[in-house]
Amino acid sequence: MRKKTIFVLLSICSLAITSCGGGSKTSSNSITAGASDNSAAYMEENVNAIDQALPQIMILPSDRVLKEFNSLKETANGIERNYQSYLINSSSNKAYTSAIQNEFNQMGYPLNDLEQTLKQLSNRSATDEADQLAKDAKTLLLNTAKPDIIVEFDYKTTLNHKTFKKSLDYTLTFMDAYTNKVISTKTSSINGDDFAQSIKREMPSISNELQRYFSDVLTKGREISVRITVENSSNINLQDENIEGDIYANWIDDYMDTHTVKGSYRLNTNTKYELSYTNVRIATLNDDGTQHSAYQWGRDFARTMRKKLGVKVNNMSQGLADVHLVITGM
């Protein structure tokens, strides 16, 4: 009798769950009740190529500002930047940065935040795994956040000793993070005005210049540099004949012709052990509309060399726009 009662109760519970939509993707939890799962419809949609390629922006203090806040040192090994020290010592940094970020958010640009990126780096070594060379903080930041545009923010405040009012002189320099080419520069002086309002006034002009840059990248491709080197201990060089009956250097040139946008590149070095190219333009997007990075381009190049030529190739690409493939032998 007891077993029969349990069976009936279980049957009733089962019916109750089914009648309440137990098999659907809904929830009775008060927190998630208003949410809906549209993943199937989302996966059916085409990727928006323009949105995917929209350049990511990162705001960094200029070297002059870092030096003013004792966060930059010139050493025998080069410049050492300490962004964490700057964030701690600069009380006005967050207010200024937030005002700039807010305007870019209004325009729909994706942003990489300096403070958040530093947190990502907090547990990482400042040593490059490939070559064991110490990396500058800026290089580490860019390799981690991978922004397309750096907004270098330079500012200086002065106090009028007669009126006791502060004035602010600032410069925003927009640079292509891949090439360090300056896209736009805006300079302004504020006397008792609000910084956020000043940035808002400059935004229409900035937007037009960034759109021109953006259009150029979408049309002509991303600009990168490419190096193909041969390891010292390798048993081949770039003037040797490969298994396809051509010399390696010529085969590489042919690949560059067909895998760059309209064959856009400039050959800088051509020796037995190195080929180097600058002003290389690669497609910004994959066929499905997603971002196509320099590292991916180099990875495909290395894969093709292994498959077609039977050589061993290491992809040593490190920077945002620096492809470096090393041939180690057959």
Protein backbone atom coordinates (compact mmCIF):
# COMPACT_ATOMS: atom_id res chain seq x y z
CA MET A 1 0.00 0.00 0.00
CA ARG A 2 2.89 2.37 0.89
CA LYS A 3 4.65 1.68 -2.46
CA LYS A 4 1.44 2.42 -4.35
CA THR A 5 1.01 5.74 -2.53
CA ILE A 6 4.61 6.82 -3.35
CA PHE A 7 4.08 5.92 -7.03
CA VAL A 8 0.89 8.03 -7.21
CA LEU A 9 2.65 11.01 -5.58
CA LEU A 10 5.56 10.78 -8.00
CA SER A 11 3.14 10.63 -10.94
CA ILE A 12 1.33 13.75 -9.70
CA CYS A 13 4.67 15.61 -9.29
CA SER A 14 5.69 14.59 -12.79
CA LEU A 15 2.44 15.89 -14.26
CA ALA A 16 2.79 19.14 -12.31
CA ILE A 17 6.29 19.74 -13.67
CA THR A 18 5.17 19.01 -17.24
CA SER A 19 2.13 21.27 -16.98
CA CYS A 20 4.33 24.13 -15.68
CA GLY A 21 6.61 23.95 -18.70
CA GLY A 22 9.39 21.94 -17.05
CA GLY A 23 10.83 21.08 -20.47
CA SER A 24 11.10 24.69 -21.75
CA LYS A 25 13.92 27.24 -21.22
CA THR A 26 12.09 29.36 -18.67
CA SER A 27 12.62 29.87 -14.96
CA SER A 28 10.40 30.36 -11.94
CA ASN A 29 13.29 31.98 -10.06
CA SER A 30 12.29 35.57 -9.29
CA ILE A 31 15.73 36.85 -10.31
CA THR A 32 15.75 35.24 -13.77
CA ALA A 33 12.01 35.12 -14.47
CA GLY A 34 12.22 38.03 -16.91
CA ALA A 35 15.09 36.52 -18.89
CA SER A 36 14.64 34.59 -22.11
CA ASP A 37 16.95 32.28 -24.04
CA ASN A 38 17.14 33.37 -27.69
CA SER A 39 20.42 31.55 -28.41
CA ALA A 40 19.00 29.54 -31.32
CA ALA A 41 17.80 32.69 -33.12
CA TYR A 42 21.05 34.51 -32.28
CA MET A 43 23.18 31.74 -33.80
CA GLU A 44 21.12 31.98 -37.01
CA GLU A 45 21.93 35.68 -37.47
CA ASN A 46 24.75 36.85 -39.71
CA VAL A 47 27.78 38.45 -38.06
CA ASN A 48 27.75 42.23 -38.40
CA ALA A 49 31.10 42.82 -40.10
CA ILE A 50 31.19 46.53 -39.33
CA ASP A 51 30.53 45.99 -35.61
CA GLN A 52 33.07 43.17 -35.45
CA ALA A 53 35.76 45.34 -37.03
CA LEU A 54 34.97 48.43 -34.96
CA PRO A 55 38.33 49.53 -33.56
CA GLN A 56 38.89 49.06 -29.85
CA ILE A 57 40.22 52.08 -27.98
CA MET A 58 42.55 52.39 -25.00
CA ILE A 59 43.37 55.63 -23.18
CA LEU A 60 46.92 55.94 -21.86
CA PRO A 61 48.71 58.85 -20.15
CA SER A 62 51.52 60.41 -22.18
CA ASP A 63 55.13 59.86 -21.19
CA ARG A 64 55.35 63.49 -20.09
CA VAL A 65 52.43 62.99 -17.67
CA LEU A 66 53.95 59.75 -16.36
CA LYS A 67 57.20 61.59 -15.70
CA GLU A 68 55.37 64.40 -13.90
CA PHE A 69 53.88 61.83 -11.52
CA ASN A 70 57.24 60.07 -11.02
CA SER A 71 56.00 57.06 -12.97
CA LEU A 72 58.59 57.05 -15.75
CA LYS A 73 62.32 56.45 -15.62
CA GLU A 74 64.93 56.52 -18.33
CA THR A 75 67.40 53.69 -17.79
CA ALA A 76 70.27 52.09 -19.72
CA ASN A 77 67.76 49.50 -20.96
CA GLY A 78 65.29 52.12 -22.19
CA ILE A 79 62.17 53.73 -20.74
CA GLU A 80 60.46 52.13 -17.76
CA ARG A 81 56.79 53.03 -17.32
CA ASN A 82 54.86 52.43 -14.10
CA TYR A 83 51.16 52.85 -14.86
CA GLN A 84 50.07 51.47 -11.49
CA SER A 85 52.02 54.18 -9.69
CA TYR A 86 50.44 56.81 -11.94
CA LEU A 87 46.90 55.62 -11.18
CA ILE A 88 47.62 55.81 -7.45
CA ASN A 89 49.31 59.23 -7.53
CA SER A 90 46.98 61.00 -9.96
CA SER A 91 43.77 61.92 -8.14
CA SER A 92 42.19 63.49 -11.24
CA ASN A 93 42.99 60.60 -13.59
CA LYS A 94 39.71 58.73 -13.11
CA ALA A 95 37.56 61.81 -13.67
CA TYR A 96 39.37 62.76 -16.88
CA THR A 97 39.48 59.21 -18.23
CA SER A 98 35.80 58.58 -17.43
CA ALA A 99 34.79 61.73 -19.31
CA ILE A 100 36.68 60.59 -22.42
CA GLN A 101 35.42 57.00 -22.15
CA ASN A 102 31.85 58.20 -21.77
CA GLU A 103 32.00 60.02 -25.10
CA PHE A 104 33.40 56.95 -26.86
CA ASN A 105 30.70 54.80 -25.27
CA GLN A 106 28.11 57.19 -26.71
CA MET A 107 29.65 56.61 -30.14
CA GLY A 108 29.56 52.83 -29.67
CA TYR A 109 33.30 52.18 -29.65
CA PRO A 110 34.51 49.22 -27.54
CA LEU A 111 36.98 50.27 -24.84
CA ASN A 112 39.93 48.66 -23.06
CA ASP A 113 40.29 50.09 -19.57
CA LEU A 114 43.85 50.74 -18.33
CA GLU A 115 43.11 49.84 -14.71
CA GLN A 116 41.33 46.60 -15.59
CA THR A 117 44.11 45.55 -17.97
CA LEU A 118 46.71 46.16 -15.25
CA LYS A 119 44.74 43.81 -13.00
CA GLN A 120 44.95 41.13 -15.69
CA LEU A 121 48.71 41.60 -15.73
CA SER A 122 49.16 41.61 -11.97
CA ASN A 123 49.96 37.90 -11.78
CA ARG A 124 52.00 37.69 -14.97
CA SER A 125 55.73 37.85 -15.37
CA ALA A 126 57.21 40.83 -17.19
CA THR A 127 59.33 38.39 -19.17
CA ASP A 128 58.59 37.31 -22.72
CA GLU A 129 58.27 33.53 -22.76
CA ALA A 130 59.81 33.22 -26.22
CA ASP A 131 63.03 35.22 -25.88
CA GLN A 132 63.32 35.83 -22.12
CA LEU A 133 63.66 39.58 -22.68
CA ALA A 134 62.10 42.00 -20.22
CA LYS A 135 59.16 43.81 -21.75
CA ASP A 136 58.21 47.43 -21.16
CA ALA A 137 54.89 47.93 -19.34
CA LYS A 138 53.36 49.58 -22.41
CA THR A 139 54.27 46.61 -24.61
CA LEU A 140 52.72 44.22 -22.09
CA LEU A 141 49.57 46.33 -21.92
CA LEU A 142 49.12 46.43 -25.68
CA ASN A 143 49.81 42.72 -26.11
CA THR A 144 47.21 41.95 -23.44
CA ALA A 145 44.43 44.41 -24.33
CA LYS A 146 45.14 44.44 -28.10
CA PRO A 147 43.55 47.85 -28.79
CA ASP A 148 43.35 49.19 -32.34
CA ILE A 149 43.64 52.85 -31.33
CA ILE A 150 45.68 54.35 -28.50
CA VAL A 151 44.45 57.67 -27.16
CA GLU A 152 47.48 59.31 -25.59
CA PHE A 153 46.27 61.83 -23.03
CA ASP A 154 48.59 64.71 -22.09
CA TYR A 155 47.41 67.36 -19.64
CA LYS A 156 48.71 70.08 -17.36
CA THR A 157 46.92 72.18 -14.76
CA THR A 158 47.98 75.67 -13.71
CA LEU A 159 46.71 77.91 -10.94
CA ASN A 160 46.06 81.62 -11.39
CA HIS A 161 47.40 83.12 -8.15
CA LYS A 162 45.24 86.24 -8.55
CA THR A 163 41.88 84.55 -9.12
CA PHE A 164 42.81 81.18 -7.61
CA LYS A 165 41.14 79.50 -10.56
CA LYS A 166 42.64 76.47 -12.25
CA SER A 167 43.11 76.15 -16.00
CA LEU A 168 43.69 72.92 -17.88
CA ASP A 169 45.64 72.47 -21.09
CA TYR A 170 45.24 69.05 -22.69
CA THR A 171 46.12 67.18 -25.85
CA LEU A 172 44.56 63.98 -27.16
CA THR A 173 46.70 62.11 -29.69
CA PHE A 174 45.01 59.24 -31.51
CA MET A 175 47.45 56.62 -32.82
CA ASP A 176 47.11 53.38 -34.70
CA ALA A 177 48.34 50.84 -32.13
CA TYR A 178 49.68 48.63 -34.93
CA THR A 179 51.80 51.19 -36.74
CA ASN A 180 52.10 54.11 -34.24
CA LYS A 181 50.86 56.40 -37.02
CA VAL A 182 48.99 59.47 -35.73
CA ILE A 183 45.36 59.51 -36.83
CA SER A 184 44.29 62.74 -35.16
CA THR A 185 45.43 65.30 -32.59
CA LYS A 186 43.21 67.60 -30.54
CA THR A 187 44.53 70.36 -28.28
CA SER A 188 42.42 72.58 -26.04
CA SER A 189 42.71 74.95 -23.11
CA ILE A 190 40.01 75.22 -20.45
CA ASN A 191 39.64 78.18 -18.12
CA GLY A 192 37.05 77.39 -15.51
CA ASP A 193 35.14 75.24 -18.01
CA ASP A 194 34.06 71.66 -17.50
CA PHE A 195 36.43 69.06 -18.98
CA ALA A 196 33.59 66.72 -19.98
CA GLN A 197 31.89 69.53 -21.94
CA SER A 198 35.14 70.37 -23.68
CA ILE A 199 35.59 66.75 -24.77
CA LYS A 200 31.99 66.65 -25.99
CA ARG A 201 32.62 69.69 -28.23
CA GLU A 202 35.68 68.01 -29.77
CA MET A 203 33.94 64.69 -30.43
CA PRO A 204 32.26 65.47 -33.78
CA SER A 205 35.63 66.32 -35.33
CA ILE A 206 37.31 63.32 -33.67
CA SER A 207 34.51 61.05 -34.88
CA ASN A 208 34.92 62.17 -38.50
CA GLU A 209 38.67 61.52 -38.44
CA LEU A 210 38.30 58.12 -36.79
CA GLN A 211 35.67 57.16 -39.36
CA ARG A 212 38.07 58.01 -42.17
CA TYR A 213 40.73 55.86 -40.52
CA PHE A 214 38.20 53.08 -39.94
CA SER A 215 37.09 53.16 -43.58
CA ASP A 216 40.70 52.99 -44.75
CA VAL A 217 41.39 49.90 -42.60
CA LEU A 218 38.21 48.15 -43.78
CA THR A 219 38.95 48.95 -47.44
CA LYS A 220 42.72 48.54 -47.68
CA GLY A 221 43.30 46.11 -44.80
CA ARG A 222 45.27 46.15 -41.56
CA GLU A 223 48.91 47.25 -41.86
CA ILE A 224 51.49 44.87 -40.35
CA SER A 225 55.15 43.88 -40.73
CA VAL A 226 56.39 40.38 -41.58
CA ARG A 227 59.75 38.65 -40.96
CA ILE A 228 60.77 35.20 -42.17
CA THR A 229 64.07 34.09 -40.65
CA VAL A 230 66.08 30.86 -40.73
CA GLU A 231 67.54 29.45 -37.52
CA ASN A 232 71.35 29.32 -37.44
CA SER A 233 71.36 25.57 -36.90
CA SER A 234 68.98 24.91 -39.81
CA ASN A 235 70.15 22.75 -42.71
CA ILE A 236 68.53 25.02 -45.33
CA ASN A 237 68.56 28.67 -46.41
CA LEU A 238 66.11 30.84 -48.33
CA GLN A 239 68.06 30.50 -51.60
CA ASP A 240 67.81 26.69 -51.55
CA GLU A 241 65.41 24.85 -53.83
CA ASN A 242 62.28 23.53 -52.12
CA ILE A 243 60.27 20.38 -52.86
CA GLU A 244 58.05 22.31 -55.30
CA GLY A 245 61.07 23.08 -57.51
CA ASP A 246 61.32 26.80 -56.64
CA ILE A 247 63.62 28.55 -54.20
CA TYR A 248 62.14 29.34 -50.78
CA ALA A 249 62.46 33.13 -51.19
CA ASN A 250 60.48 33.13 -54.44
CA TRP A 251 57.79 30.87 -52.98
CA ILE A 252 57.43 33.23 -50.00
CA ASP A 253 57.15 36.24 -52.33
CA ASP A 254 54.40 34.46 -54.28
CA TYR A 255 52.53 33.77 -51.03
CA MET A 256 52.79 37.43 -50.09
CA ASP A 257 51.37 38.40 -53.51
CA THR A 258 48.26 36.27 -53.06
CA HIS A 259 47.60 36.63 -49.33
CA THR A 260 47.80 40.40 -48.93
CA VAL A 261 45.22 42.99 -49.97
CA LYS A 262 45.99 43.71 -53.64
CA GLY A 263 49.55 42.46 -53.11
CA SER A 264 50.34 45.43 -50.87
CA TYR A 265 53.73 45.10 -49.16
CA ARG A 266 57.29 46.39 -49.34
CA LEU A 267 60.32 44.07 -49.31
CA ASN A 268 63.00 45.50 -47.02
CA THR A 269 65.48 42.66 -46.42
CA ASN A 270 66.35 39.82 -48.77
CA THR A 271 69.22 37.57 -47.65
CA LYS A 272 69.84 33.85 -47.40
CA TYR A 273 68.59 33.87 -43.83
CA GLU A 274 65.98 36.61 -43.66
CA LEU A 275 63.14 38.15 -45.63
CA SER A 276 61.44 41.17 -44.06
CA TYR A 277 58.44 43.13 -45.27
CA THR A 278 56.79 46.36 -44.13
CA ASN A 279 53.56 48.14 -45.12
CA VAL A 280 51.94 44.72 -45.45
CA ARG A 281 48.17 45.00 -45.76
CA ILE A 282 46.11 42.00 -44.62
CA ALA A 283 42.33 41.55 -44.62
CA THR A 284 40.73 42.98 -41.50
CA LEU A 285 37.96 40.39 -41.40
CA ASN A 286 37.57 36.66 -41.91
CA ASP A 287 35.01 35.33 -44.40
CA ASP A 288 32.40 35.07 -41.63
CA GLY A 289 32.92 38.72 -40.64
CA THR A 290 34.92 38.12 -37.46
CA GLN A 291 38.21 39.89 -36.70
CA HIS A 292 41.35 38.65 -38.48
CA SER A 293 44.51 39.31 -36.48
CA ALA A 294 48.17 39.46 -37.50
CA TYR A 295 48.84 36.39 -35.35
CA GLN A 296 46.15 34.41 -37.20
CA TRP A 297 47.58 35.51 -40.54
CA GLY A 298 51.05 34.36 -39.46
CA ARG A 299 49.66 31.08 -38.13
CA ASP A 300 48.03 30.34 -41.51
CA PHE A 301 51.29 31.25 -43.29
CA ALA A 302 53.29 28.85 -41.09
CA ARG A 303 50.73 26.07 -41.56
CA THR A 304 50.90 26.42 -45.34
CA MET A 305 54.72 26.32 -45.32
CA ARG A 306 54.71 23.12 -43.27
CA LYS A 307 52.13 21.49 -45.55
CA LYS A 308 53.44 22.63 -48.94
CA LEU A 309 57.20 22.74 -48.35
CA GLY A 310 57.65 20.19 -45.59
CA VAL A 311 59.69 22.56 -43.42
CA LYS A 312 59.50 23.07 -39.68
CA VAL A 313 58.28 26.57 -38.82
CA ASN A 314 57.72 28.27 -35.46
CA ASN A 315 55.31 31.19 -35.20
CA MET A 316 57.21 33.64 -32.96
CA SER A 317 54.83 36.56 -33.54
CA GLN A 318 54.55 38.69 -30.39
CA GLY A 319 53.34 42.21 -31.07
CA LEU A 320 49.99 43.42 -32.36
CA ALA A 321 51.27 43.82 -35.91
CA ASP A 322 54.58 41.98 -36.04
CA VAL A 323 54.55 38.56 -37.70
CA HIS A 324 57.77 36.58 -37.19
CA LEU A 325 58.11 33.05 -38.57
CA VAL A 326 61.28 31.08 -37.88
CA ILE A 327 62.26 28.16 -40.15
CA THR A 328 64.12 25.58 -38.09
CA GLY A 329 64.81 22.98 -40.79
CA MET A 330 63.29 20.09 -42.69
